[in-house]
Amino acid sequence: MEKPRKFPERLCVGCNEMKPKRELVRVVKSPEDVISLDVTGKKPGRGAYVCRNTECFELAKKRRGFERTLKCKIDSDVYEVMRNELTKNG
């Protein structure tokens, strides 16, 4: 009898729900302290996950979920770039 396959889950910093990793977008802080969206999920650095919708993104921004998880301050223009990328890719 085969075991059911387990899929990795991550916590969305917006809605605080555990979801399959594939349903989420990773926001990464690179070793050079550059913050960006990581659509592939392969960039090096510390990561935070958020759902692929703008509601969760705005909630994470309002609650400072990204700043808490990535352990740094994030400028509003960085949020703007990430929001534009999210709506383009989502």
Protein backbone atom coordinates (compact mmCIF):
# COMPACT_ATOMS: atom_id res chain seq x y z
CA MET A 1 0.00 0.00 0.00
CA GLU A 2 1.40 3.40 -1.06
CA LYS A 3 1.49 6.33 1.33
CA PRO A 4 -0.32 9.45 0.15
CA ARG A 5 2.20 11.96 -1.07
CA LYS A 6 2.81 14.97 1.16
CA PHE A 7 3.06 18.43 -0.34
CA PRO A 8 5.08 21.14 1.41
CA GLU A 9 2.94 23.80 3.04
CA ARG A 10 3.82 27.36 3.97
CA LEU A 11 2.13 30.05 6.05
CA CYS A 12 0.72 33.05 4.19
CA VAL A 13 1.84 36.22 6.01
CA GLY A 14 -1.39 37.91 4.91
CA CYS A 15 -4.23 35.60 5.94
CA ASN A 16 -2.12 33.42 8.30
CA GLU A 17 -3.36 30.18 6.70
CA MET A 18 -1.27 27.14 5.88
CA LYS A 19 -1.49 26.48 2.15
CA PRO A 20 0.36 24.34 -0.38
CA LYS A 21 3.63 26.01 -1.36
CA ARG A 22 2.67 25.99 -5.06
CA GLU A 23 -0.37 28.23 -4.39
CA LEU A 24 1.77 30.94 -2.80
CA VAL A 25 4.26 33.52 -4.08
CA ARG A 26 7.59 33.94 -2.30
CA VAL A 27 8.93 37.34 -1.35
CA VAL A 28 12.67 37.07 -0.84
CA LYS A 29 15.31 39.20 0.89
CA SER A 30 18.56 38.42 -0.89
CA PRO A 31 21.95 38.29 0.85
CA GLU A 32 22.50 41.80 -0.58
CA ASP A 33 19.32 42.97 1.27
CA VAL A 34 17.32 43.43 -1.94
CA ILE A 35 13.64 42.58 -1.55
CA SER A 36 11.75 41.19 -4.55
CA LEU A 37 9.09 38.72 -5.66
CA ASP A 38 10.41 35.24 -6.36
CA VAL A 39 7.97 33.60 -8.76
CA THR A 40 10.22 30.56 -9.29
CA GLY A 41 10.84 29.98 -5.58
CA LYS A 42 14.53 29.33 -6.21
CA LYS A 43 16.25 32.63 -5.37
CA PRO A 44 18.69 32.53 -2.45
CA GLY A 45 17.84 34.38 0.74
CA ARG A 46 15.22 34.62 3.45
CA GLY A 47 11.67 34.11 2.22
CA ALA A 48 8.12 35.02 3.18
CA TYR A 49 5.06 33.57 1.46
CA VAL A 50 1.84 35.28 0.45
CA CYS A 51 -1.27 34.19 -1.49
CA ARG A 52 -1.46 35.14 -5.15
CA ASN A 53 -4.16 37.77 -4.57
CA THR A 54 -3.90 41.46 -3.75
CA GLU A 55 -6.15 41.17 -0.67
CA CYS A 56 -3.61 38.98 1.16
CA PHE A 57 -0.76 41.16 -0.08
CA GLU A 58 -2.41 44.31 1.31
CA LEU A 59 -3.18 42.54 4.59
CA ALA A 60 0.45 41.42 4.91
CA LYS A 61 1.60 44.98 4.23
CA LYS A 62 -0.83 46.45 6.77
CA ARG A 63 0.13 43.93 9.48
CA ARG A 64 3.84 44.28 8.67
CA GLY A 65 3.99 40.54 7.98
CA PHE A 66 6.79 40.88 5.43
CA GLU A 67 8.86 43.12 7.69
CA ARG A 68 8.48 40.73 10.64
CA THR A 69 9.32 37.62 8.62
CA LEU A 70 12.19 39.16 6.62
CA LYS A 71 13.48 41.03 9.70
CA CYS A 72 13.92 44.41 8.01
CA LYS A 73 12.10 47.65 7.13
CA ILE A 74 10.52 47.79 3.67
CA ASP A 75 9.97 51.07 1.79
CA SER A 76 6.61 51.87 0.22
CA ASP A 77 8.12 52.01 -3.29
CA VAL A 78 9.32 48.39 -2.88
CA TYR A 79 5.75 47.41 -1.95
CA GLU A 80 4.51 49.21 -5.06
CA VAL A 81 6.90 47.30 -7.35
CA MET A 82 5.93 43.98 -5.72
CA ARG A 83 2.20 44.78 -6.02
CA ASN A 84 2.61 45.56 -9.73
CA GLU A 85 4.54 42.30 -10.30
CA LEU A 86 1.92 40.32 -8.36
CA THR A 87 -1.00 41.69 -10.38
CA LYS A 88 0.94 41.11 -13.62
CA ASN A 89 1.85 37.49 -12.74
CA GLY A 90 -1.23 36.58 -10.71
